[in-house]
Amino acid sequence: MEAATPKHTLEMQVRDYELDLQGIVNNAVYINYLEHARHQFLTDQGIDFEGLFREGIAAMVIKSEIKYKQSLRSKDEFVVETYTSKKGRFKIIFHQTILNKQDHSVCIEAEITTACIDLATKKPVEMNL
């Protein structure tokens, strides 16, 4: 699948409260990292996520595929890379990778499928990135 957008990067750091009993980042926390990176990606593309909702357009995740490859630990610095591609007229796929900054190892590979819905008509809306 060809990228529709250039690769976007966002640097972050693991916080202690995100760890589980094993001392690694809880698997559910990675979903938060990915979501934050998608929202920052949209902001950097000039798309106001909250503004869309105020205008009656709901952007939503309709499918998540996440491959957990390696765990992050307390204070690890990491990068979330994001780019998009289209699937049909209405679906946008966010291709995301989380890399440990220290050794550049891949921690997460994800494909998040999204769509936008007009809240008044309940019909899909075509979005371009």
N, C-alpha and C. Protein backbone atom coordinates (compact mmCIF):
# COMPACT_ATOMS: atom_id res chain seq x y z
N MET A 1 0.85 -1.18 0.00
CA MET A 1 0.00 0.00 0.00
C MET A 1 0.89 1.24 0.00
N GLU A 2 0.63 2.15 -0.87
CA GLU A 2 1.43 3.36 -1.00
C GLU A 2 1.00 4.41 0.03
N ALA A 3 1.98 5.08 0.59
CA ALA A 3 1.69 6.12 1.58
C ALA A 3 0.99 7.30 0.92
N ALA A 4 -0.06 7.78 1.59
CA ALA A 4 -0.76 8.98 1.12
C ALA A 4 -0.14 10.23 1.72
N THR A 5 0.54 10.07 2.81
CA THR A 5 1.14 11.21 3.51
C THR A 5 2.59 10.89 3.84
N PRO A 6 3.42 11.92 4.01
CA PRO A 6 4.79 11.67 4.47
C PRO A 6 4.77 11.14 5.90
N LYS A 7 5.85 10.47 6.28
CA LYS A 7 5.94 9.92 7.62
C LYS A 7 6.05 11.04 8.65
N HIS A 8 5.25 10.93 9.69
CA HIS A 8 5.21 11.89 10.80
C HIS A 8 5.83 11.20 12.02
N THR A 9 6.64 11.93 12.79
CA THR A 9 7.23 11.35 13.99
C THR A 9 6.88 12.17 15.22
N LEU A 10 6.72 11.47 16.33
CA LEU A 10 6.44 12.10 17.61
C LEU A 10 7.25 11.39 18.67
N GLU A 11 8.08 12.16 19.40
CA GLU A 11 8.91 11.58 20.46
C GLU A 11 8.16 11.65 21.79
N MET A 12 8.28 10.58 22.57
CA MET A 12 7.63 10.51 23.88
C MET A 12 8.54 9.76 24.85
N GLN A 13 8.14 9.74 26.12
CA GLN A 13 8.88 9.00 27.15
C GLN A 13 7.91 8.25 28.04
N VAL A 14 8.28 7.03 28.40
CA VAL A 14 7.45 6.21 29.28
C VAL A 14 7.41 6.83 30.67
N ARG A 15 6.22 6.87 31.24
CA ARG A 15 6.02 7.36 32.61
C ARG A 15 5.78 6.17 33.53
N ASP A 16 6.25 6.27 34.76
CA ASP A 16 6.20 5.14 35.69
C ASP A 16 4.80 4.58 35.89
N TYR A 17 3.77 5.40 35.91
CA TYR A 17 2.42 4.91 36.16
C TYR A 17 1.85 4.12 34.99
N GLU A 18 2.58 4.04 33.87
CA GLU A 18 2.11 3.28 32.72
C GLU A 18 2.57 1.82 32.75
N LEU A 19 3.31 1.46 33.79
CA LEU A 19 3.88 0.12 33.88
C LEU A 19 2.93 -0.86 34.58
N ASP A 20 3.08 -2.14 34.22
CA ASP A 20 2.32 -3.17 34.91
C ASP A 20 3.20 -3.82 35.99
N LEU A 21 2.73 -4.89 36.58
CA LEU A 21 3.47 -5.55 37.66
C LEU A 21 4.82 -6.11 37.21
N GLN A 22 4.97 -6.34 35.92
CA GLN A 22 6.24 -6.87 35.39
C GLN A 22 7.27 -5.77 35.15
N GLY A 23 6.88 -4.51 35.35
CA GLY A 23 7.79 -3.39 35.14
C GLY A 23 7.92 -2.99 33.68
N ILE A 24 6.95 -3.41 32.86
CA ILE A 24 6.94 -3.03 31.45
C ILE A 24 5.64 -2.25 31.17
N VAL A 25 5.62 -1.53 30.05
CA VAL A 25 4.44 -0.76 29.69
C VAL A 25 3.27 -1.73 29.48
N ASN A 26 2.16 -1.43 30.12
CA ASN A 26 0.95 -2.23 29.98
C ASN A 26 0.49 -2.18 28.53
N ASN A 27 0.02 -3.32 28.00
CA ASN A 27 -0.34 -3.37 26.58
C ASN A 27 -1.41 -2.35 26.20
N ALA A 28 -2.33 -2.03 27.09
CA ALA A 28 -3.38 -1.06 26.78
C ALA A 28 -2.82 0.36 26.64
N VAL A 29 -1.71 0.64 27.27
CA VAL A 29 -1.11 1.99 27.22
C VAL A 29 -0.61 2.30 25.80
N TYR A 30 -0.15 1.28 25.09
CA TYR A 30 0.32 1.51 23.72
C TYR A 30 -0.80 2.09 22.85
N ILE A 31 -2.04 1.70 23.12
CA ILE A 31 -3.17 2.23 22.37
C ILE A 31 -3.28 3.74 22.59
N ASN A 32 -3.02 4.18 23.83
CA ASN A 32 -3.01 5.62 24.12
C ASN A 32 -1.89 6.33 23.38
N TYR A 33 -0.69 5.73 23.35
CA TYR A 33 0.43 6.32 22.61
C TYR A 33 0.05 6.50 21.13
N LEU A 34 -0.52 5.45 20.55
CA LEU A 34 -0.89 5.50 19.13
C LEU A 34 -1.95 6.56 18.87
N GLU A 35 -2.94 6.64 19.76
CA GLU A 35 -3.99 7.64 19.58
C GLU A 35 -3.44 9.06 19.68
N HIS A 36 -2.60 9.30 20.68
CA HIS A 36 -2.00 10.63 20.84
C HIS A 36 -1.21 11.00 19.58
N ALA A 37 -0.46 10.05 19.04
CA ALA A 37 0.33 10.32 17.83
C ALA A 37 -0.58 10.61 16.63
N ARG A 38 -1.71 9.89 16.52
CA ARG A 38 -2.64 10.16 15.41
C ARG A 38 -3.23 11.56 15.53
N HIS A 39 -3.60 11.96 16.74
CA HIS A 39 -4.17 13.30 16.94
C HIS A 39 -3.13 14.37 16.61
N GLN A 40 -1.88 14.15 17.02
CA GLN A 40 -0.83 15.13 16.71
C GLN A 40 -0.56 15.16 15.21
N PHE A 41 -0.60 14.00 14.58
CA PHE A 41 -0.45 13.92 13.12
C PHE A 41 -1.52 14.77 12.44
N LEU A 42 -2.78 14.61 12.86
CA LEU A 42 -3.88 15.39 12.27
C LEU A 42 -3.69 16.88 12.49
N THR A 43 -3.31 17.26 13.71
CA THR A 43 -3.05 18.67 14.02
C THR A 43 -1.97 19.23 13.11
N ASP A 44 -0.89 18.47 12.93
CA ASP A 44 0.22 18.92 12.09
C ASP A 44 -0.17 18.96 10.61
N GLN A 45 -1.22 18.24 10.23
CA GLN A 45 -1.75 18.27 8.87
C GLN A 45 -2.78 19.40 8.69
N GLY A 46 -3.03 20.15 9.78
CA GLY A 46 -3.99 21.25 9.72
C GLY A 46 -5.43 20.82 9.91
N ILE A 47 -5.63 19.63 10.47
CA ILE A 47 -6.98 19.12 10.70
C ILE A 47 -7.30 19.24 12.19
N ASP A 48 -8.37 19.95 12.49
CA ASP A 48 -8.81 20.15 13.87
C ASP A 48 -9.80 19.03 14.23
N PHE A 49 -9.31 18.03 14.96
CA PHE A 49 -10.10 16.85 15.32
C PHE A 49 -11.37 17.26 16.08
N GLU A 50 -11.22 18.13 17.07
CA GLU A 50 -12.39 18.61 17.82
C GLU A 50 -13.30 19.47 16.95
N GLY A 51 -12.70 20.26 16.06
CA GLY A 51 -13.48 21.10 15.16
C GLY A 51 -14.36 20.27 14.23
N LEU A 52 -13.84 19.13 13.76
CA LEU A 52 -14.65 18.24 12.94
C LEU A 52 -15.91 17.81 13.68
N PHE A 53 -15.74 17.45 14.95
CA PHE A 53 -16.88 17.00 15.74
C PHE A 53 -17.90 18.13 15.93
N ARG A 54 -17.40 19.33 16.19
CA ARG A 54 -18.31 20.48 16.34
C ARG A 54 -19.08 20.74 15.05
N GLU A 55 -18.47 20.39 13.91
CA GLU A 55 -19.13 20.57 12.61
C GLU A 55 -20.04 19.40 12.25
N GLY A 56 -20.14 18.41 13.16
CA GLY A 56 -21.03 17.28 12.91
C GLY A 56 -20.39 16.09 12.24
N ILE A 57 -19.06 16.04 12.24
CA ILE A 57 -18.34 14.91 11.65
C ILE A 57 -17.63 14.14 12.77
N ALA A 58 -17.93 12.86 12.89
CA ALA A 58 -17.28 12.02 13.90
C ALA A 58 -16.23 11.14 13.21
N ALA A 59 -14.98 11.32 13.60
CA ALA A 59 -13.89 10.47 13.13
C ALA A 59 -13.76 9.33 14.13
N MET A 60 -13.78 8.10 13.63
CA MET A 60 -13.75 6.98 14.57
C MET A 60 -12.87 5.84 14.07
N VAL A 61 -12.33 5.13 15.05
CA VAL A 61 -11.57 3.92 14.76
C VAL A 61 -12.58 2.80 14.53
N ILE A 62 -12.40 2.08 13.43
CA ILE A 62 -13.30 0.96 13.16
C ILE A 62 -12.58 -0.40 13.21
N LYS A 63 -11.24 -0.35 13.23
CA LYS A 63 -10.47 -1.60 13.33
C LYS A 63 -9.07 -1.28 13.80
N SER A 64 -8.56 -2.11 14.72
CA SER A 64 -7.18 -1.96 15.20
C SER A 64 -6.45 -3.29 15.09
N GLU A 65 -5.30 -3.25 14.44
CA GLU A 65 -4.43 -4.42 14.39
C GLU A 65 -3.08 -4.00 14.97
N ILE A 66 -2.70 -4.63 16.08
CA ILE A 66 -1.47 -4.25 16.76
C ILE A 66 -0.61 -5.49 16.98
N LYS A 67 0.64 -5.39 16.54
CA LYS A 67 1.61 -6.46 16.79
C LYS A 67 2.56 -5.97 17.87
N TYR A 68 2.54 -6.64 19.02
CA TYR A 68 3.43 -6.30 20.13
C TYR A 68 4.72 -7.07 19.93
N LYS A 69 5.84 -6.37 19.73
CA LYS A 69 7.10 -7.02 19.39
C LYS A 69 8.13 -6.97 20.52
N GLN A 70 8.17 -5.84 21.22
CA GLN A 70 9.15 -5.68 22.30
C GLN A 70 8.60 -4.68 23.30
N SER A 71 8.88 -4.89 24.57
CA SER A 71 8.33 -4.03 25.62
C SER A 71 9.19 -2.80 25.89
N LEU A 72 8.52 -1.73 26.23
CA LEU A 72 9.19 -0.53 26.74
C LEU A 72 9.17 -0.59 28.27
N ARG A 73 10.13 0.08 28.89
CA ARG A 73 10.25 0.11 30.35
C ARG A 73 10.30 1.55 30.85
N SER A 74 10.31 1.70 32.14
CA SER A 74 10.32 3.02 32.76
C SER A 74 11.41 3.92 32.18
N LYS A 75 11.04 5.14 31.88
CA LYS A 75 11.94 6.20 31.38
C LYS A 75 12.43 5.98 29.96
N ASP A 76 12.06 4.86 29.30
CA ASP A 76 12.47 4.67 27.91
C ASP A 76 11.94 5.82 27.07
N GLU A 77 12.76 6.31 26.17
CA GLU A 77 12.33 7.29 25.18
C GLU A 77 12.01 6.54 23.91
N PHE A 78 10.94 6.97 23.24
CA PHE A 78 10.52 6.25 22.04
C PHE A 78 9.95 7.22 21.03
N VAL A 79 9.83 6.74 19.80
CA VAL A 79 9.30 7.53 18.70
C VAL A 79 8.11 6.78 18.12
N VAL A 80 7.02 7.51 17.86
CA VAL A 80 5.89 6.94 17.14
C VAL A 80 5.92 7.52 15.73
N GLU A 81 6.06 6.63 14.76
CA GLU A 81 6.04 7.03 13.35
C GLU A 81 4.64 6.74 12.80
N THR A 82 4.12 7.67 12.03
CA THR A 82 2.77 7.53 11.48
C THR A 82 2.74 8.01 10.03
N TYR A 83 2.07 7.26 9.20
CA TYR A 83 1.70 7.73 7.86
C TYR A 83 0.35 7.11 7.53
N THR A 84 -0.30 7.63 6.51
CA THR A 84 -1.64 7.14 6.16
C THR A 84 -1.70 6.65 4.73
N SER A 85 -2.70 5.85 4.49
CA SER A 85 -3.07 5.45 3.13
C SER A 85 -4.59 5.33 3.12
N LYS A 86 -5.17 5.35 1.93
CA LYS A 86 -6.63 5.23 1.79
C LYS A 86 -6.99 3.80 1.40
N LYS A 87 -8.16 3.40 1.87
CA LYS A 87 -8.73 2.11 1.46
C LYS A 87 -10.15 2.40 1.00
N GLY A 88 -10.35 2.38 -0.29
CA GLY A 88 -11.65 2.77 -0.83
C GLY A 88 -11.84 4.28 -0.70
N ARG A 89 -13.08 4.72 -0.75
CA ARG A 89 -13.37 6.15 -0.67
C ARG A 89 -13.40 6.68 0.74
N PHE A 90 -13.76 5.83 1.72
CA PHE A 90 -14.09 6.36 3.03
C PHE A 90 -13.14 5.96 4.16
N LYS A 91 -12.32 4.96 3.95
CA LYS A 91 -11.45 4.49 5.04
C LYS A 91 -10.05 5.06 4.90
N ILE A 92 -9.50 5.49 6.02
CA ILE A 92 -8.11 5.94 6.10
C ILE A 92 -7.39 4.99 7.05
N ILE A 93 -6.29 4.44 6.58
CA ILE A 93 -5.48 3.53 7.39
C ILE A 93 -4.30 4.33 7.94
N PHE A 94 -4.16 4.31 9.27
CA PHE A 94 -2.99 4.89 9.93
C PHE A 94 -2.00 3.74 10.16
N HIS A 95 -0.85 3.83 9.51
CA HIS A 95 0.23 2.85 9.70
C HIS A 95 1.15 3.44 10.75
N GLN A 96 1.31 2.73 11.86
CA GLN A 96 2.08 3.30 12.96
C GLN A 96 3.10 2.29 13.49
N THR A 97 4.26 2.82 13.84
CA THR A 97 5.33 2.02 14.41
C THR A 97 5.86 2.76 15.64
N ILE A 98 6.08 2.01 16.72
CA ILE A 98 6.72 2.58 17.90
C ILE A 98 8.12 1.99 17.98
N LEU A 99 9.12 2.89 18.01
CA LEU A 99 10.52 2.49 18.04
C LEU A 99 11.17 2.96 19.34
N ASN A 100 11.94 2.09 19.97
CA ASN A 100 12.74 2.47 21.13
C ASN A 100 13.88 3.34 20.63
N LYS A 101 14.02 4.56 21.17
CA LYS A 101 15.06 5.49 20.69
C LYS A 101 16.46 4.98 20.98
N GLN A 102 16.62 4.23 22.06
CA GLN A 102 17.96 3.81 22.46
C GLN A 102 18.59 2.86 21.43
N ASP A 103 17.86 1.86 21.01
CA ASP A 103 18.45 0.88 20.10
C ASP A 103 17.70 0.76 18.76
N HIS A 104 16.71 1.63 18.55
CA HIS A 104 15.92 1.68 17.31
C HIS A 104 15.14 0.39 17.05
N SER A 105 14.93 -0.40 18.11
CA SER A 105 14.16 -1.64 17.94
C SER A 105 12.67 -1.32 17.81
N VAL A 106 11.98 -2.15 17.05
CA VAL A 106 10.54 -2.00 16.86
C VAL A 106 9.82 -2.61 18.05
N CYS A 107 9.00 -1.81 18.70
CA CYS A 107 8.22 -2.28 19.84
C CYS A 107 6.80 -2.65 19.41
N ILE A 108 6.23 -1.83 18.54
CA ILE A 108 4.85 -2.01 18.10
C ILE A 108 4.76 -1.74 16.61
N GLU A 109 3.98 -2.55 15.91
CA GLU A 109 3.56 -2.25 14.54
C GLU A 109 2.04 -2.28 14.56
N ALA A 110 1.41 -1.23 14.02
CA ALA A 110 -0.04 -1.16 14.08
C ALA A 110 -0.62 -0.62 12.79
N GLU A 111 -1.81 -1.09 12.46
CA GLU A 111 -2.63 -0.52 11.40
C GLU A 111 -3.98 -0.21 12.02
N ILE A 112 -4.31 1.07 12.04
CA ILE A 112 -5.56 1.53 12.63
C ILE A 112 -6.44 2.05 11.49
N THR A 113 -7.57 1.40 11.29
CA THR A 113 -8.50 1.79 10.23
C THR A 113 -9.53 2.75 10.80
N THR A 114 -9.71 3.87 10.12
CA THR A 114 -10.64 4.89 10.60
C THR A 114 -11.61 5.28 9.49
N ALA A 115 -12.70 5.89 9.90
CA ALA A 115 -13.68 6.44 8.96
C ALA A 115 -14.35 7.63 9.62
N CYS A 116 -14.91 8.51 8.80
CA CYS A 116 -15.64 9.67 9.30
C CYS A 116 -17.11 9.52 8.94
N ILE A 117 -17.97 9.88 9.89
CA ILE A 117 -19.41 9.76 9.73
C ILE A 117 -20.05 11.12 9.95
N ASP A 118 -20.97 11.48 9.07
CA ASP A 118 -21.79 12.68 9.28
C ASP A 118 -22.81 12.34 10.35
N LEU A 119 -22.76 13.03 11.47
CA LEU A 119 -23.63 12.71 12.60
C LEU A 119 -25.11 12.94 12.30
N ALA A 120 -25.42 13.87 11.41
CA ALA A 120 -26.83 14.16 11.08
C ALA A 120 -27.43 13.09 10.17
N THR A 121 -26.64 12.67 9.18
CA THR A 121 -27.17 11.72 8.19
C THR A 121 -26.78 10.27 8.49
N LYS A 122 -25.79 10.09 9.37
CA LYS A 122 -25.24 8.76 9.69
C LYS A 122 -24.58 8.10 8.48
N LYS A 123 -24.16 8.90 7.51
CA LYS A 123 -23.51 8.39 6.32
C LYS A 123 -22.01 8.69 6.37
N PRO A 124 -21.21 7.84 5.71
CA PRO A 124 -19.77 8.10 5.70
C PRO A 124 -19.43 9.36 4.92
N VAL A 125 -18.35 10.00 5.33
CA VAL A 125 -17.87 11.22 4.71
C VAL A 125 -16.45 10.95 4.19
N GLU A 126 -16.19 11.36 2.99
CA GLU A 126 -14.85 11.18 2.42
C GLU A 126 -13.91 12.25 2.99
N MET A 127 -12.78 11.82 3.51
CA MET A 127 -11.76 12.73 4.06
C MET A 127 -10.48 12.56 3.25
N ASN A 128 -9.81 13.65 3.04
CA ASN A 128 -8.53 13.61 2.33
C ASN A 128 -7.42 14.07 3.26
N LEU A 129 -6.35 13.32 3.25
CA LEU A 129 -5.16 13.70 4.01
C LEU A 129 -4.00 13.88 3.05
